[in-house]
N, C-alpha and C. Protein backbone atom coordinates (compact mmCIF):
# COMPACT_ATOMS: atom_id res chain seq x y z
N MET A 1 15.91 19.91 -4.54
CA MET A 1 15.85 18.69 -5.68
C MET A 1 15.48 17.70 -4.50
N LEU A 2 16.27 17.81 -3.48
CA LEU A 2 16.07 16.69 -2.39
C LEU A 2 14.32 15.91 -2.45
N VAL A 3 13.29 17.01 -2.35
CA VAL A 3 12.20 16.55 -2.38
C VAL A 3 11.36 15.66 -3.38
N GLN A 4 12.16 16.60 -4.79
CA GLN A 4 12.09 15.75 -6.03
C GLN A 4 12.14 14.41 -6.12
N MET A 5 13.61 14.33 -5.50
CA MET A 5 14.27 12.87 -5.05
C MET A 5 13.47 11.77 -4.40
N MET A 6 12.98 12.37 -3.22
CA MET A 6 11.61 11.70 -2.19
C MET A 6 10.82 10.89 -3.27
N PHE A 7 10.25 12.51 -3.79
CA PHE A 7 8.82 11.92 -4.61
C PHE A 7 9.33 10.79 -5.58
N ALA A 8 10.63 11.02 -6.21
CA ALA A 8 10.47 10.18 -7.35
C ALA A 8 10.79 8.53 -6.49
N ALA A 9 10.90 8.87 -5.72
CA ALA A 9 11.64 7.10 -4.55
C ALA A 9 9.92 6.23 -4.17
N VAL A 10 9.19 7.48 -3.65
CA VAL A 10 7.37 7.19 -3.47
C VAL A 10 7.04 6.56 -4.80
N LEU A 11 7.20 7.22 -6.21
CA LEU A 11 6.35 6.25 -7.32
C LEU A 11 7.22 5.36 -7.11
N ALA A 12 8.60 5.06 -7.21
CA ALA A 12 8.99 3.64 -7.95
C ALA A 12 8.57 2.61 -6.49
N GLY A 13 7.98 3.08 -5.46
CA GLY A 13 8.41 1.85 -4.51
C GLY A 13 6.44 1.99 -4.75
N THR A 14 5.50 2.69 -5.42
CA THR A 14 4.60 2.34 -5.54
C THR A 14 4.46 1.16 -6.43
N GLY A 15 5.00 1.13 -7.65
CA GLY A 15 5.44 0.13 -8.56
C GLY A 15 4.55 1.48 -10.13
N GLN A 16 4.58 2.40 -9.64
CA GLN A 16 4.12 3.50 -10.76
C GLN A 16 5.16 3.79 -11.80
N THR A 17 4.55 3.18 -13.13
CA THR A 17 5.56 3.14 -14.33
C THR A 17 4.94 3.95 -15.55
N GLY A 18 5.43 4.58 -16.04
CA GLY A 18 4.80 5.20 -17.38
C GLY A 18 4.65 6.18 -17.16
N ALA A 19 4.21 7.00 -18.39
CA ALA A 19 3.87 7.97 -18.71
C ALA A 19 2.50 8.97 -17.76
N THR A 20 2.64 10.38 -17.38
CA THR A 20 2.02 10.93 -16.54
C THR A 20 2.01 11.83 -16.85
N VAL A 21 0.35 12.69 -16.54
CA VAL A 21 0.26 13.71 -16.36
C VAL A 21 -0.69 14.76 -15.16
N ASP A 22 0.14 15.07 -14.43
CA ASP A 22 -0.59 15.56 -13.18
C ASP A 22 -1.25 16.75 -13.63
N VAL A 23 -2.50 17.36 -13.24
CA VAL A 23 -3.14 18.59 -13.15
C VAL A 23 -3.38 19.48 -11.85
N PHE A 24 -3.37 20.16 -11.58
CA PHE A 24 -3.73 21.54 -10.53
C PHE A 24 -4.36 22.29 -10.67
N TYR A 25 -5.71 22.21 -10.37
CA TYR A 25 -6.62 23.56 -10.34
C TYR A 25 -7.12 23.67 -9.43
N LYS A 26 -7.93 24.71 -9.30
CA LYS A 26 -8.91 25.44 -7.82
C LYS A 26 -10.08 24.71 -7.97
N GLU A 27 -11.06 24.91 -6.97
CA GLU A 27 -12.76 25.11 -7.32
C GLU A 27 -13.28 26.15 -7.50
N LEU A 28 -12.93 26.95 -8.62
CA LEU A 28 -13.11 28.24 -8.94
C LEU A 28 -13.50 28.37 -10.61
N PRO A 29 -14.15 29.49 -10.91
CA PRO A 29 -14.72 29.11 -12.11
C PRO A 29 -13.81 29.14 -13.31
N PRO A 30 -12.55 30.12 -12.66
CA PRO A 30 -11.46 30.24 -14.07
C PRO A 30 -10.98 29.02 -13.96
N SER A 31 -10.62 28.23 -13.12
CA SER A 31 -9.84 26.88 -12.99
C SER A 31 -10.82 26.14 -13.47
N LEU A 32 -12.23 26.07 -13.36
CA LEU A 32 -12.86 24.70 -13.63
C LEU A 32 -13.09 25.04 -15.35
N GLU A 33 -12.92 26.31 -15.84
CA GLU A 33 -13.08 26.15 -17.18
C GLU A 33 -11.63 25.75 -17.67
N ALA A 34 -10.87 25.92 -17.59
CA ALA A 34 -9.68 25.70 -17.57
C ALA A 34 -9.30 24.03 -17.76
N LEU A 35 -9.72 23.53 -16.43
CA LEU A 35 -9.84 22.16 -16.23
C LEU A 35 -10.26 21.56 -17.07
N ALA A 36 -12.01 22.20 -18.09
CA ALA A 36 -13.38 21.46 -18.97
C ALA A 36 -11.97 21.08 -19.83
N ARG A 37 -11.58 22.17 -20.36
CA ARG A 37 -10.99 21.88 -21.40
C ARG A 37 -10.00 21.00 -21.19
N THR A 38 -9.17 21.54 -20.33
CA THR A 38 -7.67 20.57 -20.70
C THR A 38 -8.53 19.19 -20.69
N GLU A 39 -9.42 18.65 -20.40
CA GLU A 39 -10.24 17.38 -19.85
C GLU A 39 -10.06 16.98 -21.37
N GLU A 40 -10.88 17.86 -21.90
CA GLU A 40 -11.16 17.51 -23.80
C GLU A 40 -9.98 17.09 -24.57
N VAL A 41 -8.74 17.60 -24.39
CA VAL A 41 -7.60 17.44 -24.64
C VAL A 41 -7.03 15.93 -23.99
N LEU A 42 -6.83 15.85 -22.89
CA LEU A 42 -6.40 15.30 -22.43
C LEU A 42 -7.00 13.12 -22.20
N ALA A 43 -7.86 13.33 -22.76
CA ALA A 43 -9.42 12.19 -23.46
C ALA A 43 -8.64 11.85 -24.19
N GLU A 44 -7.89 12.28 -25.32
CA GLU A 44 -7.46 11.77 -26.17
C GLU A 44 -5.94 10.71 -26.26
N PHE A 45 -5.47 11.29 -25.04
CA PHE A 45 -4.28 10.17 -24.65
C PHE A 45 -4.78 9.56 -23.31
N ALA A 46 -5.93 9.46 -23.17
CA ALA A 46 -6.02 8.72 -21.66
C ALA A 46 -5.76 7.33 -21.74
N GLY A 47 -5.21 6.49 -22.78
CA GLY A 47 -4.71 5.00 -22.57
C GLY A 47 -3.19 5.19 -22.63
N GLU A 48 -2.28 6.54 -23.03
CA GLU A 48 -1.29 6.67 -23.34
C GLU A 48 -0.32 7.21 -21.64
N PHE A 49 -1.21 7.85 -20.92
CA PHE A 49 -0.97 8.18 -19.59
C PHE A 49 -1.90 8.17 -18.48
N THR A 50 -0.75 8.01 -17.01
CA THR A 50 -1.72 8.20 -16.39
C THR A 50 -2.20 9.25 -15.93
N ILE A 51 -3.08 9.64 -15.72
CA ILE A 51 -3.92 11.27 -15.71
C ILE A 51 -4.24 11.28 -14.08
N THR A 52 -3.74 12.20 -12.98
CA THR A 52 -4.24 12.71 -12.15
C THR A 52 -4.09 14.13 -11.80
N ARG A 53 -5.61 13.78 -10.97
CA ARG A 53 -5.53 15.69 -10.70
C ARG A 53 -5.55 16.19 -9.23
N HIS A 54 -5.20 17.09 -9.02
CA HIS A 54 -5.11 17.72 -7.50
C HIS A 54 -5.63 19.17 -7.31
N LEU A 55 -6.10 19.02 -6.17
CA LEU A 55 -7.02 20.09 -6.20
C LEU A 55 -5.53 21.06 -5.47
N ILE A 56 -5.52 22.16 -5.87
CA ILE A 56 -4.05 23.11 -5.45
C ILE A 56 -4.47 23.55 -3.90
N THR A 57 -6.22 23.77 -3.42
CA THR A 57 -5.50 23.92 -2.06
C THR A 57 -5.91 22.81 -1.01
N ASP A 58 -5.73 21.28 -1.55
CA ASP A 58 -5.40 20.67 -0.61
C ASP A 58 -4.65 20.38 0.04
N GLU A 59 -4.24 20.25 1.43
CA GLU A 59 -3.46 20.29 1.93
C GLU A 59 -2.29 19.14 1.43
N ALA A 60 -2.79 18.34 1.22
CA ALA A 60 -1.95 16.91 0.78
C ALA A 60 -1.44 16.58 -0.33
N THR A 61 -1.73 18.33 -0.94
CA THR A 61 -1.00 18.57 -2.41
C THR A 61 0.06 19.21 -2.47
N ALA A 62 0.82 19.95 -1.21
CA ALA A 62 1.42 20.98 -0.91
C ALA A 62 2.67 20.29 -1.26
N PRO A 63 2.98 19.34 -0.83
CA PRO A 63 4.21 17.96 -1.13
C PRO A 63 4.79 18.21 -2.69
N LEU A 64 3.24 17.55 -3.88
CA LEU A 64 3.82 17.39 -4.72
C LEU A 64 4.36 18.83 -5.12
N ILE A 65 3.15 19.85 -4.62
CA ILE A 65 3.44 21.36 -5.65
C ILE A 65 4.90 21.74 -5.76
N ALA A 66 5.31 21.22 -4.25
CA ALA A 66 6.99 21.36 -3.89
C ALA A 66 7.77 21.21 -4.86
N ALA A 67 7.56 20.04 -4.58
CA ALA A 67 8.55 18.37 -5.65
C ALA A 67 8.84 18.81 -7.69
N TYR A 68 7.13 19.68 -7.60
CA TYR A 68 7.31 19.81 -9.16
C TYR A 68 8.14 21.01 -9.39
N GLY A 69 8.50 21.75 -8.34
CA GLY A 69 8.36 23.41 -8.52
C GLY A 69 7.63 24.35 -9.04
N LEU A 70 6.08 24.30 -8.58
CA LEU A 70 5.66 24.61 -8.98
C LEU A 70 5.48 26.21 -8.04
N PRO A 71 5.00 27.38 -8.74
CA PRO A 71 5.64 28.63 -8.15
C PRO A 71 4.97 28.53 -6.50
N GLU A 72 5.71 29.44 -5.30
CA GLU A 72 5.75 29.15 -4.01
C GLU A 72 4.47 30.28 -4.02
N THR A 73 4.28 31.23 -4.65
CA THR A 73 2.85 32.02 -4.54
C THR A 73 2.05 31.28 -4.87
N HIS A 74 0.77 32.32 -5.26
CA HIS A 74 -0.44 31.42 -5.54
C HIS A 74 -0.54 31.16 -7.37
N PHE A 75 -1.17 30.09 -7.63
CA PHE A 75 -0.95 29.78 -9.15
C PHE A 75 -2.62 29.46 -9.08
N PRO A 76 -3.25 29.67 -10.44
CA PRO A 76 -4.63 28.87 -10.34
C PRO A 76 -4.49 27.26 -11.25
N PHE A 77 -3.52 27.55 -12.18
CA PHE A 77 -4.24 26.03 -12.61
C PHE A 77 -2.29 25.68 -13.46
N ALA A 78 -2.42 24.40 -13.46
CA ALA A 78 -0.71 23.74 -14.03
C ALA A 78 -1.37 22.42 -14.11
N VAL A 79 -0.42 22.36 -15.66
CA VAL A 79 -0.02 20.74 -16.21
C VAL A 79 1.40 20.29 -16.38
N VAL A 80 1.36 19.13 -15.64
CA VAL A 80 2.97 18.87 -15.80
C VAL A 80 2.92 17.12 -16.12
N VAL A 81 3.88 17.39 -17.10
CA VAL A 81 4.20 15.99 -18.29
C VAL A 81 5.08 15.16 -18.02
N ASN A 82 5.17 14.08 -16.56
CA ASN A 82 6.02 13.41 -16.80
C ASN A 82 7.15 14.20 -16.13
N GLY A 83 6.45 14.93 -15.30
CA GLY A 83 7.49 15.70 -14.11
C GLY A 83 7.76 16.76 -14.44
N LYS A 84 7.45 17.48 -15.88
CA LYS A 84 7.93 18.53 -16.23
C LYS A 84 7.05 19.60 -16.57
N LEU A 85 7.31 20.92 -16.12
CA LEU A 85 6.34 21.73 -16.25
C LEU A 85 6.34 22.55 -17.36
N SER A 86 7.47 22.32 -18.34
CA SER A 86 8.31 23.35 -19.28
C SER A 86 8.24 22.05 -21.01
N ALA A 87 8.28 23.41 -21.78
CA ALA A 87 8.82 22.22 -23.05
C ALA A 87 9.36 23.95 -23.85
N VAL A 88 9.75 22.82 -25.21
CA VAL A 88 10.09 23.78 -26.32
C VAL A 88 9.80 23.29 -27.37
N VAL A 89 8.59 23.89 -28.09
CA VAL A 89 7.77 24.05 -28.87
C VAL A 89 8.66 25.22 -30.25
N ASP A 90 8.43 24.59 -31.13
CA ASP A 90 9.45 25.10 -32.19
C ASP A 90 9.94 26.22 -32.19
N GLY A 91 11.09 25.99 -31.12
CA GLY A 91 11.97 26.69 -30.71
C GLY A 91 11.53 28.15 -29.97
N GLU A 92 10.03 27.49 -29.41
CA GLU A 92 9.60 28.95 -28.44
C GLU A 92 9.33 27.60 -26.70
N ARG A 93 9.88 28.33 -25.76
CA ARG A 93 9.53 28.24 -24.45
C ARG A 93 8.01 28.68 -24.02
N VAL A 94 7.64 26.88 -23.66
CA VAL A 94 6.55 27.10 -23.05
C VAL A 94 6.02 26.60 -22.03
N ASP A 95 5.44 26.84 -20.95
CA ASP A 95 5.16 26.89 -19.74
C ASP A 95 3.37 26.62 -19.24
N PHE A 96 3.62 25.55 -19.08
CA PHE A 96 2.12 24.94 -18.88
C PHE A 96 1.31 25.15 -17.13
N VAL A 97 1.66 26.86 -17.25
CA VAL A 97 1.34 27.18 -15.48
C VAL A 97 0.39 28.45 -15.46
N HIS A 98 -0.69 28.60 -15.29
CA HIS A 98 -1.34 29.35 -15.23
C HIS A 98 -2.51 29.44 -15.90
N PHE A 99 -3.43 30.44 -16.46
CA PHE A 99 -4.22 29.87 -17.92
C PHE A 99 -3.61 30.28 -19.05
N PRO A 100 -4.67 28.98 -19.99
CA PRO A 100 -3.82 28.79 -21.05
C PRO A 100 -4.41 30.43 -21.95
N LEU A 101 -3.77 29.99 -22.98
CA LEU A 101 -3.96 31.33 -24.14
C LEU A 101 -5.66 31.68 -23.90
N PHE A 102 -6.20 31.09 -24.57
CA PHE A 102 -8.08 30.81 -25.08
C PHE A 102 -8.56 31.65 -23.48
N MET A 103 -7.91 32.03 -22.19
CA MET A 103 -8.51 33.11 -21.44
C MET A 103 -7.67 33.99 -21.19
N HIS A 104 -6.83 34.67 -22.26
CA HIS A 104 -6.19 35.65 -21.81
C HIS A 104 -7.55 36.84 -21.90
N GLY A 105 -7.46 37.94 -20.96
CA GLY A 105 -7.67 38.80 -20.76
C GLY A 105 -8.35 38.87 -19.02
N ILE A 106 -7.86 37.88 -18.74
CA ILE A 106 -8.60 37.32 -17.16
C ILE A 106 -7.66 38.18 -16.24
N GLY A 107 -6.77 38.38 -16.56
CA GLY A 107 -5.71 39.09 -15.14
C GLY A 107 -4.53 38.80 -15.27
N ARG A 108 -3.63 38.54 -13.96
CA ARG A 108 -2.20 38.35 -13.40
C ARG A 108 -1.82 36.91 -13.80
N HIS A 109 -2.72 36.31 -13.91
CA HIS A 109 -2.38 34.82 -14.32
C HIS A 109 -2.68 34.19 -15.39
N GLU A 110 -1.90 35.28 -16.48
CA GLU A 110 -2.16 34.66 -18.28
C GLU A 110 -0.61 34.00 -18.43
N GLY A 111 -0.59 32.71 -18.88
CA GLY A 111 0.18 31.88 -19.36
C GLY A 111 0.56 31.84 -20.68
N ASN A 112 1.41 31.31 -21.61
CA ASN A 112 1.61 31.45 -22.37
C ASN A 112 1.54 30.05 -23.42
N TRP A 113 0.70 29.40 -22.62
CA TRP A 113 0.18 27.65 -23.24
C TRP A 113 -1.04 27.62 -24.09
N SER A 114 -1.45 26.95 -25.09
CA SER A 114 -2.55 26.53 -25.52
C SER A 114 -3.26 25.16 -25.64
N MET A 115 -4.18 24.94 -26.02
CA MET A 115 -5.30 23.24 -25.61
C MET A 115 -3.76 22.88 -26.96
N GLU A 116 -3.67 23.54 -28.26
CA GLU A 116 -3.10 23.15 -29.08
C GLU A 116 -1.59 22.34 -28.80
N LEU A 117 -0.60 23.72 -28.01
CA LEU A 117 0.72 23.32 -27.32
C LEU A 117 0.33 21.82 -26.68
N LEU A 118 -0.83 22.00 -25.54
CA LEU A 118 -0.54 20.68 -24.66
C LEU A 118 -0.61 20.05 -25.70
N GLY A 119 -1.41 19.15 -26.57
CA GLY A 119 -2.16 18.40 -27.28
C GLY A 119 -0.53 17.86 -28.23
N ARG A 120 0.23 18.84 -28.21
CA ARG A 120 1.38 18.87 -29.09
C ARG A 120 2.87 17.73 -28.22
N VAL A 121 2.71 18.14 -27.06
CA VAL A 121 3.88 17.73 -26.07
C VAL A 121 2.86 16.39 -24.88
N LEU A 122 1.43 16.50 -25.32
CA LEU A 122 1.47 14.91 -25.49
C LEU A 122 1.45 13.92 -26.69
N ALA A 123 1.70 14.22 -27.50
CA ALA A 123 1.90 13.97 -28.57
C ALA A 123 3.62 13.16 -28.97
N ASP A 124 4.08 14.32 -28.27
CA ASP A 124 5.48 14.12 -28.43
C ASP A 124 5.85 14.50 -27.03
N PRO A 125 6.05 13.36 -25.72
CA PRO A 125 6.49 13.92 -24.72
C PRO A 125 8.47 14.35 -24.70
N SER A 126 8.53 14.33 -25.69
CA SER A 126 10.46 14.19 -25.82
C SER A 126 10.64 16.39 -25.86
N LEU A 127 9.27 16.86 -26.22
CA LEU A 127 9.59 17.88 -26.22
C LEU A 127 9.45 18.81 -24.97
N MET A 128 9.19 18.23 -23.93
CA MET A 128 9.29 18.35 -22.14
C MET A 128 10.62 18.48 -22.15
N VAL A 129 10.80 19.78 -21.02
CA VAL A 129 12.33 20.10 -20.71
C VAL A 129 12.22 20.40 -19.56
N SER A 130 13.21 19.85 -18.61
CA SER A 130 13.37 19.78 -17.44
C SER A 130 14.53 20.84 -17.14
N GLY A 131 14.72 21.37 -15.68
CA GLY A 131 15.48 22.63 -14.80
C GLY A 131 15.13 23.69 -15.37
N VAL A 132 13.95 24.02 -15.80
CA VAL A 132 13.68 25.37 -16.33
C VAL A 132 12.99 25.81 -15.28
N GLU A 133 13.45 27.49 -14.66
CA GLU A 133 12.94 27.82 -13.63
C GLU A 133 11.66 28.84 -13.77
N LEU A 134 10.79 28.62 -13.23
CA LEU A 134 9.67 29.74 -13.98
C LEU A 134 9.36 30.84 -13.07
N GLU A 135 9.11 32.17 -13.41
CA GLU A 135 9.63 33.22 -13.07
C GLU A 135 8.25 33.70 -11.95
N GLU A 136 8.59 34.09 -10.79
CA GLU A 136 7.36 34.26 -10.33
C GLU A 136 6.71 35.07 -10.03
N LEU A 137 5.42 35.60 -9.82
CA LEU A 137 4.80 36.82 -10.50
C LEU A 137 4.89 37.48 -9.24
N ASP A 138 4.53 38.95 -9.30
CA ASP A 138 4.65 40.22 -8.47
C ASP A 138 3.55 40.49 -7.75
N GLU A 139 3.52 40.05 -6.46
CA GLU A 139 2.19 39.36 -6.04
C GLU A 139 1.73 40.98 -5.27
N THR A 140 2.35 42.01 -5.34
CA THR A 140 2.26 43.73 -4.59
C THR A 140 0.72 44.05 -5.00
N GLY A 141 0.47 44.52 -3.75
CA GLY A 141 -1.02 44.97 -3.99
C GLY A 141 -2.48 43.87 -4.44
N TRP A 142 -2.10 42.55 -4.46
CA TRP A 142 -3.00 41.87 -4.34
C TRP A 142 -3.54 40.98 -3.78
N THR A 143 -4.52 40.18 -3.54
CA THR A 143 -4.97 39.39 -2.21
C THR A 143 -5.76 38.18 -2.99
N GLU A 144 -5.92 37.04 -2.72
CA GLU A 144 -6.10 35.95 -2.63
C GLU A 144 -7.60 35.67 -3.19
N CYS A 145 -8.73 37.11 -2.89
CA CYS A 145 -10.09 37.20 -3.18
C CYS A 145 -9.93 38.11 -4.53
N MET A 146 -8.57 38.67 -5.16
CA MET A 146 -9.39 39.46 -6.17
C MET A 146 -8.68 38.88 -7.20
N ASP A 147 -7.97 38.35 -7.22
CA ASP A 147 -7.84 37.39 -8.03
C ASP A 147 -8.61 36.27 -9.14
N GLU A 148 -9.55 35.32 -8.99
CA GLU A 148 -10.28 35.01 -9.58
C GLU A 148 -12.14 35.30 -8.59
């Protein structure tokens, strides 16, 4: 919580205001495929949000990952809208972490979100919710080279 408050203070000090989207990705084919499809959706909302892309493996990204409460274990992709990772759409919780639905079958990092759902929350950011804890994946038996 303290890190989140410090991050908010830094943003306030820069004069950055308005709606934001932070996209976290890796420079590996599955993550780049998710990024390309996400970029198509984001292009429809470019004038409405400040969109920033963050390389997950960059050490400079680590404080932001912690501030947003992204998984402490490995994750390949995430979209954060106005500082929030989760939404409630049609009564269902959606977490914009891990790979989107079109990539199901890829392995352990299958998320529960789609490009259509991302578009819906960008059109109506009030669907985003805070205070939701993400489930940690069981990392037993996996190594970094096995997942992507």
